[in-house]
């Protein structure tokens, strides 16, 4: 193709990018993504199996096939809802959560089928999970490659370096005019805007463009809540939902009972190995601060030597950690006895990590508002744990507290679902272990 001028060449490139942006917006829509997933991951394997059964009658579909087909539809639907709901949360790498979301959906549907019928053919469910994962991976990869999210900024404040480094195109809006392809608009809460700007905001809302003040946008992008000034306003937003707290506790106990039966042999074998490697009890008990500031005894499989003195917290390559301790800490096996704490109502599967009593008291003296993290039950895993790992220094603990405050402020089933999926990735990679 010949271009008469360099300007024509630039125009052609710009038109190509605009087409890609439109295609990405089309594929990003909920209806298109979900319909494509059903066609590619449910209808396609069903058509393949039906066609194959005509050629090889031995693989003909058995009676009750409709139930398995319905399970595949439900698995794809559940995975789609999970990915869509958690995809809008901060610090989410959507492609890395596709396989965990599909695995959770497939596992739930498979368990339901095994309870309903005695014989289950896995072909359709497994094929749906594999093809569904491939579909969402393709959509998300194209969406990431095409371009950056565009966020309009109606403020003269400079963008924080951490936010400026994110894969976002920041668009300064100097006049009350809506720019193309904006996904959100950030404004300064300390400024009183003129009627022209208010009209712009109204038009943007009608176009389903999200609005955030700068502080709220920072929270959405970083997953952390700062409490630097006017804490009385923030604390009111940090009160967790009481109905969900009760539901969450019931779910914790319901899940803990069968999981405990499955992991008891693992706990017993690891405990035996710990006793053989070093002297001392296999179960380590420590006083920690939990729900509403109550002190409780936290149980862990011992990963350190008893006969070596050291600080309360664990350092990188701590010489007190045993050989078995390195393994069980990396893959969080040492946390398994805390299921007993869950059954006793002292802990949850998900929540701020409980701190040792002496460390918690020291943090309360050094960090303002630290005790507020005790408004929910502490957890085996949590929002701060999957992003920061284990910390001990006061500065790092203050940063960890911002993650905990974000969890309290946006306390919901979808945030818990995201933490579960990211915890699977954390266990596999060993991030944050010491």
Protein backbone atom coordinates (compact mmCIF):
# COMPACT_ATOMS: atom_id res chain seq x y z
CA UNK A 1 0.00 0.00 0.00
CA UNK A 2 1.39 3.42 -0.98
CA UNK A 3 1.10 6.53 1.15
CA UNK A 4 1.44 9.89 -0.55
CA UNK A 5 2.58 11.71 2.59
CA UNK A 6 3.78 10.87 6.07
CA UNK A 7 0.59 12.51 7.36
CA UNK A 8 -1.47 9.95 5.40
CA UNK A 9 0.58 7.18 6.95
CA UNK A 10 -0.05 8.52 10.46
CA UNK A 11 -3.76 8.82 9.70
CA UNK A 12 -3.93 5.21 8.53
CA UNK A 13 -2.18 4.07 11.71
CA UNK A 14 -4.57 6.12 13.82
CA UNK A 15 -7.58 4.63 12.02
CA UNK A 16 -6.21 1.14 12.62
CA UNK A 17 -5.83 1.81 16.33
CA UNK A 18 -9.35 3.24 16.49
CA UNK A 19 -10.74 0.09 14.87
CA UNK A 20 -8.86 -2.06 17.34
CA UNK A 21 -10.21 0.03 20.20
CA UNK A 22 -13.76 -0.42 18.92
CA UNK A 23 -13.22 -4.15 18.52
CA UNK A 24 -11.84 -4.38 22.06
CA UNK A 25 -14.83 -2.45 23.42
CA UNK A 26 -17.16 -4.80 21.52
CA UNK A 27 -15.47 -7.95 22.86
CA UNK A 28 -15.26 -6.43 26.35
CA UNK A 29 -19.05 -6.13 26.58
CA UNK A 30 -20.65 -8.57 28.97
CA UNK A 31 -23.15 -9.93 26.45
CA UNK A 32 -20.60 -10.70 23.74
CA UNK A 33 -18.05 -12.24 26.11
CA UNK A 34 -20.59 -14.50 27.80
CA UNK A 35 -22.33 -15.55 24.57
CA UNK A 36 -18.99 -16.38 22.98
CA UNK A 37 -17.99 -18.44 26.01
CA UNK A 38 -21.20 -20.49 25.83
CA UNK A 39 -20.82 -21.08 22.09
CA UNK A 40 -17.12 -21.93 22.24
CA UNK A 41 -17.04 -23.87 25.54
CA UNK A 42 -20.47 -25.54 25.68
CA UNK A 43 -22.04 -25.78 22.22
CA UNK A 44 -18.79 -26.69 20.39
CA UNK A 45 -17.82 -29.73 22.53
CA UNK A 46 -21.45 -30.92 22.48
CA UNK A 47 -21.53 -30.72 18.68
CA UNK A 48 -18.17 -32.52 18.46
CA UNK A 49 -19.34 -35.35 20.71
CA UNK A 50 -22.66 -35.69 18.88
CA UNK A 51 -20.85 -35.90 15.53
CA UNK A 52 -18.28 -38.38 16.87
CA UNK A 53 -21.01 -40.62 18.28
CA UNK A 54 -22.43 -41.09 14.78
CA UNK A 55 -19.06 -42.32 13.53
CA UNK A 56 -18.14 -44.33 16.64
CA UNK A 57 -21.33 -45.57 18.30
CA UNK A 58 -19.30 -46.83 21.26
CA UNK A 59 -18.97 -43.24 22.53
CA UNK A 60 -22.68 -42.51 22.22
CA UNK A 61 -24.04 -40.13 24.84
CA UNK A 62 -25.48 -42.00 27.85
CA UNK A 63 -28.94 -41.37 29.35
CA UNK A 64 -29.10 -38.30 31.58
CA UNK A 65 -26.75 -36.41 29.31
CA UNK A 66 -28.86 -33.26 29.71
CA UNK A 67 -27.82 -32.97 33.36
CA UNK A 68 -24.13 -32.87 32.45
CA UNK A 69 -24.82 -30.33 29.70
CA UNK A 70 -26.66 -28.16 32.20
CA UNK A 71 -23.71 -28.49 34.62
CA UNK A 72 -21.34 -27.26 31.89
CA UNK A 73 -23.56 -24.23 31.27
CA UNK A 74 -23.66 -23.51 34.99
CA UNK A 75 -19.85 -23.90 35.33
CA UNK A 76 -19.18 -21.43 32.51
CA UNK A 77 -21.78 -19.02 33.91
CA UNK A 78 -20.28 -19.14 37.40
CA UNK A 79 -16.74 -18.67 36.06
CA UNK A 80 -17.93 -15.72 33.93
CA UNK A 81 -19.57 -14.04 36.92
CA UNK A 82 -16.46 -14.57 39.05
CA UNK A 83 -14.12 -13.14 36.41
CA UNK A 84 -16.39 -10.19 35.67
CA UNK A 85 -17.01 -9.25 39.30
CA UNK A 86 -13.43 -9.65 40.48
CA UNK A 87 -11.97 -8.16 37.30
CA UNK A 88 -13.03 -4.66 38.38
CA UNK A 89 -11.22 -4.95 41.73
CA UNK A 90 -7.74 -3.41 42.17
CA UNK A 91 -4.44 -5.16 41.49
CA UNK A 92 -6.14 -7.89 39.49
CA UNK A 93 -4.23 -9.68 36.74
CA UNK A 94 -7.26 -11.21 35.09
CA UNK A 95 -5.39 -13.75 32.97
CA UNK A 96 -3.77 -15.33 36.03
CA UNK A 97 -7.18 -15.90 37.63
CA UNK A 98 -8.84 -17.66 34.68
CA UNK A 99 -7.65 -21.17 35.57
CA UNK A 100 -8.47 -20.84 39.32
CA UNK A 101 -11.96 -19.51 38.47
CA UNK A 102 -12.59 -22.36 36.04
CA UNK A 103 -11.24 -24.91 38.52
CA UNK A 104 -13.52 -23.65 41.30
CA UNK A 105 -16.56 -23.64 39.00
CA UNK A 106 -15.76 -27.10 37.61
CA UNK A 107 -15.19 -28.51 41.10
CA UNK A 108 -18.52 -27.22 42.41
CA UNK A 109 -20.44 -28.57 39.42
CA UNK A 110 -18.66 -31.92 39.56
CA UNK A 111 -19.45 -32.27 43.27
CA UNK A 112 -23.11 -31.47 42.61
CA UNK A 113 -23.25 -34.05 39.81
CA UNK A 114 -21.68 -36.75 41.98
CA UNK A 115 -24.33 -36.10 44.62
CA UNK A 116 -27.14 -36.24 42.04
CA UNK A 117 -26.01 -39.22 39.94
CA UNK A 118 -23.61 -42.12 40.48
CA UNK A 119 -21.91 -42.04 37.09
CA UNK A 120 -20.51 -38.90 35.48
CA UNK A 121 -18.78 -38.52 32.13
CA UNK A 122 -16.06 -35.92 32.49
CA UNK A 123 -15.56 -35.21 28.78
CA UNK A 124 -17.99 -32.33 28.46
CA UNK A 125 -17.16 -30.67 31.79
CA UNK A 126 -13.39 -30.87 31.25
CA UNK A 127 -13.68 -29.77 27.62
CA UNK A 128 -15.85 -26.82 28.66
CA UNK A 129 -13.31 -25.76 31.30
CA UNK A 130 -10.37 -26.00 28.87
CA UNK A 131 -12.12 -24.24 26.00
CA UNK A 132 -13.61 -21.64 28.36
CA UNK A 133 -10.16 -20.87 29.74
CA UNK A 134 -8.80 -20.51 26.20
CA UNK A 135 -11.67 -18.17 25.27
CA UNK A 136 -11.21 -15.82 28.21
CA UNK A 137 -7.42 -15.87 27.86
CA UNK A 138 -7.77 -14.80 24.21
CA UNK A 139 -10.25 -12.02 25.03
CA UNK A 140 -8.16 -10.65 27.91
CA UNK A 141 -4.91 -10.86 25.93
CA UNK A 142 -6.42 -8.90 23.04
CA UNK A 143 -7.88 -6.36 25.44
CA UNK A 144 -4.47 -5.80 27.06
CA UNK A 145 -2.63 -5.58 23.75
CA UNK A 146 -4.94 -3.07 22.08
CA UNK A 147 -4.45 -0.18 24.41
CA UNK A 148 -4.53 1.45 27.79
CA UNK A 149 -7.56 2.39 29.85
CA UNK A 150 -8.30 6.12 29.52
CA UNK A 151 -9.19 8.01 32.71
CA UNK A 152 -10.06 11.69 32.56
CA UNK A 153 -8.77 13.98 35.31
CA UNK A 154 -10.63 17.19 36.16
CA UNK A 155 -7.99 18.60 38.49
CA UNK A 156 -4.69 20.45 38.40
CA UNK A 157 -3.12 18.08 40.93
CA UNK A 158 -0.18 16.05 39.62
CA UNK A 159 -0.73 12.33 39.26
CA UNK A 160 1.12 10.33 41.91
CA UNK A 161 4.20 8.55 40.51
CA UNK A 162 2.82 5.15 41.52
CA UNK A 163 -0.43 5.82 39.65
CA UNK A 164 1.36 7.37 36.67
CA UNK A 165 3.39 4.16 36.28
CA UNK A 166 0.26 2.03 35.93
CA UNK A 167 -0.99 0.90 32.49
CA UNK A 168 -3.45 3.79 32.30
CA UNK A 169 -3.69 6.72 29.90
CA UNK A 170 -4.36 9.82 32.00
CA UNK A 171 -6.27 12.51 30.10
CA UNK A 172 -6.35 16.03 31.49
CA UNK A 173 -9.77 17.58 30.89
CA UNK A 174 -9.26 21.35 30.64
CA UNK A 175 -12.69 22.22 29.21
CA UNK A 176 -16.14 20.83 30.03
CA UNK A 177 -16.11 18.38 27.12
CA UNK A 178 -16.20 14.59 27.27
CA UNK A 179 -13.21 12.91 25.64
CA UNK A 180 -13.58 9.70 23.66
CA UNK A 181 -13.26 6.22 25.20
CA UNK A 182 -13.06 7.32 28.83
CA UNK A 183 -13.76 4.53 31.34
CA UNK A 184 -13.76 6.89 34.33
CA UNK A 185 -13.41 10.52 35.37
CA UNK A 186 -11.55 11.63 38.50
CA UNK A 187 -12.35 14.94 40.14
CA UNK A 188 -11.02 16.95 43.08
CA UNK A 189 -13.40 16.82 46.05
CA UNK A 190 -11.98 20.06 47.42
CA UNK A 191 -13.02 22.10 44.37
CA UNK A 192 -16.45 23.67 43.78
CA UNK A 193 -17.20 23.20 40.09
CA UNK A 194 -19.17 25.61 37.87
CA UNK A 195 -22.56 24.69 36.31
CA UNK A 196 -20.79 23.92 33.02
CA UNK A 197 -18.67 21.25 34.72
CA UNK A 198 -21.69 19.90 36.60
CA UNK A 199 -23.44 19.53 33.25
CA UNK A 200 -20.43 17.61 31.94
CA UNK A 201 -20.60 15.26 34.92
CA UNK A 202 -24.32 14.66 34.30
CA UNK A 203 -23.74 13.82 30.64
CA UNK A 204 -20.92 11.47 31.57
CA UNK A 205 -23.11 9.63 34.07
CA UNK A 206 -25.72 9.15 31.34
CA UNK A 207 -22.99 7.53 29.22
CA UNK A 208 -22.19 5.13 32.10
CA UNK A 209 -18.76 6.64 32.80
CA UNK A 210 -17.68 6.01 36.37
CA UNK A 211 -16.94 8.97 38.67
CA UNK A 212 -14.41 8.98 41.52
CA UNK A 213 -12.78 11.62 43.62
CA UNK A 214 -8.99 11.37 43.48
CA UNK A 215 -8.66 9.68 46.88
CA UNK A 216 -11.27 7.07 46.01
CA UNK A 217 -9.66 6.42 42.63
CA UNK A 218 -6.33 5.85 44.33
CA UNK A 219 -8.00 3.27 46.58
CA UNK A 220 -9.54 1.53 43.58
CA UNK A 221 -6.21 1.32 41.78
CA UNK A 222 -3.83 0.50 44.63
CA UNK A 223 -6.05 -1.59 46.90
CA UNK A 224 -5.08 0.52 49.93
CA UNK A 225 -6.96 3.05 52.06
CA UNK A 226 -5.07 5.93 53.62
CA UNK A 227 -6.23 7.48 56.88
CA UNK A 228 -4.13 10.60 57.01
CA UNK A 229 -6.75 13.21 57.86
CA UNK A 230 -10.37 13.36 59.03
CA UNK A 231 -10.40 9.71 60.17
CA UNK A 232 -13.91 10.06 61.61
CA UNK A 233 -15.27 10.22 58.04
CA UNK A 234 -13.34 7.15 56.92
CA UNK A 235 -14.22 5.04 59.96
CA UNK A 236 -17.90 5.26 59.14
CA UNK A 237 -17.19 3.74 55.73
CA UNK A 238 -15.01 1.02 57.25
CA UNK A 239 -17.80 -0.55 59.29
CA UNK A 240 -18.23 -4.04 57.79
CA UNK A 241 -21.64 -5.37 56.87
CA UNK A 242 -23.06 -7.18 59.91
CA UNK A 243 -25.34 -9.55 57.91
CA UNK A 244 -22.40 -10.60 55.73
CA UNK A 245 -20.25 -11.09 58.85
CA UNK A 246 -22.79 -13.62 60.15
CA UNK A 247 -23.11 -15.37 56.78
CA UNK A 248 -19.33 -15.46 56.46
CA UNK A 249 -18.94 -17.09 59.88
CA UNK A 250 -21.51 -19.79 58.99
CA UNK A 251 -19.72 -20.49 55.69
CA UNK A 252 -16.36 -20.64 57.49
CA UNK A 253 -17.58 -23.41 59.82
CA UNK A 254 -19.44 -25.25 57.04
CA UNK A 255 -16.27 -25.37 54.90
CA UNK A 256 -13.88 -26.05 57.80
CA UNK A 257 -15.51 -29.34 58.86
CA UNK A 258 -14.97 -31.32 55.61
CA UNK A 259 -11.61 -29.64 54.93
CA UNK A 260 -10.36 -30.67 58.39
CA UNK A 261 -11.20 -34.29 57.64
CA UNK A 262 -9.15 -34.09 54.43
CA UNK A 263 -6.07 -32.38 55.91
CA UNK A 264 -5.84 -34.24 59.23
CA UNK A 265 -3.58 -36.95 57.68
CA UNK A 266 -1.34 -34.19 56.25
CA UNK A 267 -1.11 -32.48 59.64
CA UNK A 268 -0.27 -35.81 61.32
CA UNK A 269 2.48 -36.70 58.83
CA UNK A 270 4.07 -33.24 58.95
CA UNK A 271 3.88 -33.22 62.76
CA UNK A 272 5.72 -36.55 62.86
CA UNK A 273 8.43 -35.22 60.52
CA UNK A 274 8.83 -32.11 62.70
CA UNK A 275 9.32 -34.20 65.84
CA UNK A 276 11.90 -36.38 64.10
CA UNK A 277 13.90 -33.39 62.80
CA UNK A 278 14.13 -31.24 65.94
CA UNK A 279 13.16 -31.47 69.63
CA UNK A 280 10.01 -29.80 70.88
CA UNK A 281 6.25 -29.95 70.26
CA UNK A 282 5.01 -30.23 66.68
CA UNK A 283 2.21 -27.71 67.25
CA UNK A 284 3.32 -24.16 68.00
CA UNK A 285 0.97 -22.10 70.18
CA UNK A 286 1.12 -18.32 70.33
CA UNK A 287 -1.04 -15.62 71.92
CA UNK A 288 -2.45 -13.33 69.23
CA UNK A 289 -4.94 -10.47 69.06
CA UNK A 290 -8.14 -11.31 67.22
CA UNK A 291 -11.75 -10.26 66.74
CA UNK A 292 -12.73 -7.14 68.74
CA UNK A 293 -9.26 -7.10 70.35
CA UNK A 294 -9.69 -10.43 72.14
CA UNK A 295 -6.56 -12.46 72.84
CA UNK A 296 -6.63 -16.07 71.67
CA UNK A 297 -4.22 -18.97 71.19
CA UNK A 298 -3.26 -19.45 67.54
CA UNK A 299 -2.14 -22.91 66.38
CA UNK A 300 0.54 -23.56 63.78
CA UNK A 301 2.79 -26.43 62.78
CA UNK A 302 6.19 -25.56 64.23
CA UNK A 303 8.64 -24.48 61.53
CA UNK A 304 11.45 -23.12 63.75
CA UNK A 305 13.81 -24.47 66.36
CA UNK A 306 12.87 -24.05 69.99
CA UNK A 307 16.43 -23.93 71.32
CA UNK A 308 17.58 -20.84 69.36
CA UNK A 309 16.72 -17.34 70.63
CA UNK A 310 15.53 -14.63 68.28
CA UNK A 311 13.07 -11.77 67.72
CA UNK A 312 9.29 -12.23 67.65
CA UNK A 313 9.16 -11.75 63.90
CA UNK A 314 10.87 -13.83 61.21
CA UNK A 315 13.66 -12.46 59.02
CA UNK A 316 14.59 -13.45 55.49
CA UNK A 317 16.63 -16.70 55.63
CA UNK A 318 16.12 -16.89 59.38
CA UNK A 319 18.59 -19.49 60.75
CA UNK A 320 15.94 -20.71 63.21
CA UNK A 321 13.80 -22.14 60.39
CA UNK A 322 14.23 -25.88 59.98
CA UNK A 323 14.51 -27.73 56.67
CA UNK A 324 10.93 -28.93 56.94
CA UNK A 325 9.99 -25.45 58.11
CA UNK A 326 11.15 -23.89 54.84
CA UNK A 327 8.83 -26.17 52.86
CA UNK A 328 5.73 -25.85 55.03
CA UNK A 329 6.10 -22.07 55.33
CA UNK A 330 6.53 -21.62 51.58
CA UNK A 331 3.34 -23.52 50.77
CA UNK A 332 1.45 -22.36 53.89
CA UNK A 333 1.12 -25.91 55.25
CA UNK A 334 2.09 -24.59 58.69
CA UNK A 335 -1.22 -22.66 58.77
CA UNK A 336 -3.43 -25.78 58.54
CA UNK A 337 -3.97 -26.23 62.32
CA UNK A 338 -5.68 -22.82 62.34
CA UNK A 339 -8.76 -24.64 61.04
CA UNK A 340 -9.31 -25.46 64.73
CA UNK A 341 -9.30 -21.70 65.42
CA UNK A 342 -11.97 -21.29 62.74
CA UNK A 343 -14.16 -23.96 64.34
CA UNK A 344 -13.75 -22.21 67.70
CA UNK A 345 -14.97 -18.93 66.16
CA UNK A 346 -11.63 -17.18 66.76
CA UNK A 347 -10.57 -16.92 63.09
CA UNK A 348 -11.94 -16.94 59.56
CA UNK A 349 -10.61 -18.30 56.30
CA UNK A 350 -10.23 -14.73 55.04
CA UNK A 351 -9.39 -11.59 57.03
CA UNK A 352 -6.48 -9.53 58.37
CA UNK A 353 -3.68 -11.78 59.61
CA UNK A 354 -3.59 -11.92 63.44
CA UNK A 355 -0.44 -10.50 65.01
CA UNK A 356 1.44 -11.79 68.05
CA UNK A 357 0.26 -10.11 71.25
CA UNK A 358 3.49 -8.17 71.90
CA UNK A 359 3.79 -7.06 68.27
CA UNK A 360 0.14 -5.97 68.16
CA UNK A 361 0.55 -3.90 71.33
CA UNK A 362 3.68 -2.26 69.89
CA UNK A 363 1.90 -1.45 66.61
CA UNK A 364 -1.06 0.05 68.50
CA UNK A 365 1.32 2.46 70.23
CA UNK A 366 3.24 3.36 67.06
CA UNK A 367 0.55 3.34 64.33
CA UNK A 368 -2.62 5.47 64.66
CA UNK A 369 -5.92 3.62 64.34
CA UNK A 370 -4.18 0.23 64.20
CA UNK A 371 -6.72 -1.44 66.49
CA UNK A 372 -9.50 -0.78 63.98
CA UNK A 373 -8.39 -3.86 61.97
CA UNK A 374 -9.92 -6.00 64.72
CA UNK A 375 -13.50 -5.21 63.61
CA UNK A 376 -13.58 -8.52 61.69
CA UNK A 377 -12.22 -11.96 62.53
CA UNK A 378 -8.57 -12.46 61.55
CA UNK A 379 -7.97 -14.86 58.68
CA UNK A 380 -5.66 -17.62 57.49
CA UNK A 381 -5.26 -15.57 54.32
CA UNK A 382 -6.18 -11.98 53.53
CA UNK A 383 -5.93 -8.96 51.24
CA UNK A 384 -2.66 -7.76 52.77
CA UNK A 385 -1.18 -11.27 52.94
CA UNK A 386 -1.53 -11.94 49.20
CA UNK A 387 -0.05 -8.56 48.23
CA UNK A 388 2.61 -7.98 50.84
CA UNK A 389 3.40 -11.27 52.55
CA UNK A 390 4.79 -11.37 56.09
CA UNK A 391 6.10 -8.08 57.51
CA UNK A 392 7.38 -6.98 60.89
CA UNK A 393 8.91 -3.49 60.68
CA UNK A 394 6.64 -0.62 61.69
CA UNK A 395 6.78 1.12 58.29
CA UNK A 396 5.84 -2.09 56.50
CA UNK A 397 3.12 -2.76 59.10
CA UNK A 398 1.65 0.71 58.42
CA UNK A 399 1.48 -0.13 54.71
CA UNK A 400 -0.07 -3.48 55.54
CA UNK A 401 -2.68 -1.65 57.60
CA UNK A 402 -3.73 0.31 54.50
CA UNK A 403 -4.43 -3.01 52.76
CA UNK A 404 -6.43 -4.17 55.80
CA UNK A 405 -8.46 -0.95 55.77
CA UNK A 406 -9.24 -1.49 52.09
CA UNK A 407 -10.56 -4.96 52.94
CA UNK A 408 -12.76 -3.52 55.68
CA UNK A 409 -14.08 -0.68 53.51
CA UNK A 410 -14.91 -2.87 50.51
CA UNK A 411 -15.85 -5.95 52.54
CA UNK A 412 -17.87 -8.19 50.18
CA UNK A 413 -18.27 -11.70 48.83
CA UNK A 414 -16.54 -10.69 45.59
CA UNK A 415 -13.45 -9.40 47.37
CA UNK A 416 -13.34 -12.64 49.37
CA UNK A 417 -13.69 -14.63 46.13
CA UNK A 418 -10.75 -12.71 44.64
CA UNK A 419 -8.63 -13.41 47.73
CA UNK A 420 -9.40 -17.13 47.48
CA UNK A 421 -8.33 -17.25 43.82
CA UNK A 422 -5.19 -15.20 44.45
CA UNK A 423 -4.32 -17.33 47.47
CA UNK A 424 -4.19 -20.37 45.19
CA UNK A 425 -1.64 -18.51 43.08
CA UNK A 426 0.25 -17.43 46.21
CA UNK A 427 0.49 -21.00 47.47
CA UNK A 428 1.79 -22.20 44.10
CA UNK A 429 4.44 -19.46 43.86
CA UNK A 430 5.34 -19.22 47.56
CA UNK A 431 5.13 -15.41 47.52
CA UNK A 432 5.55 -13.71 50.89
CA UNK A 433 6.89 -16.73 52.77
CA UNK A 434 9.72 -16.36 55.26
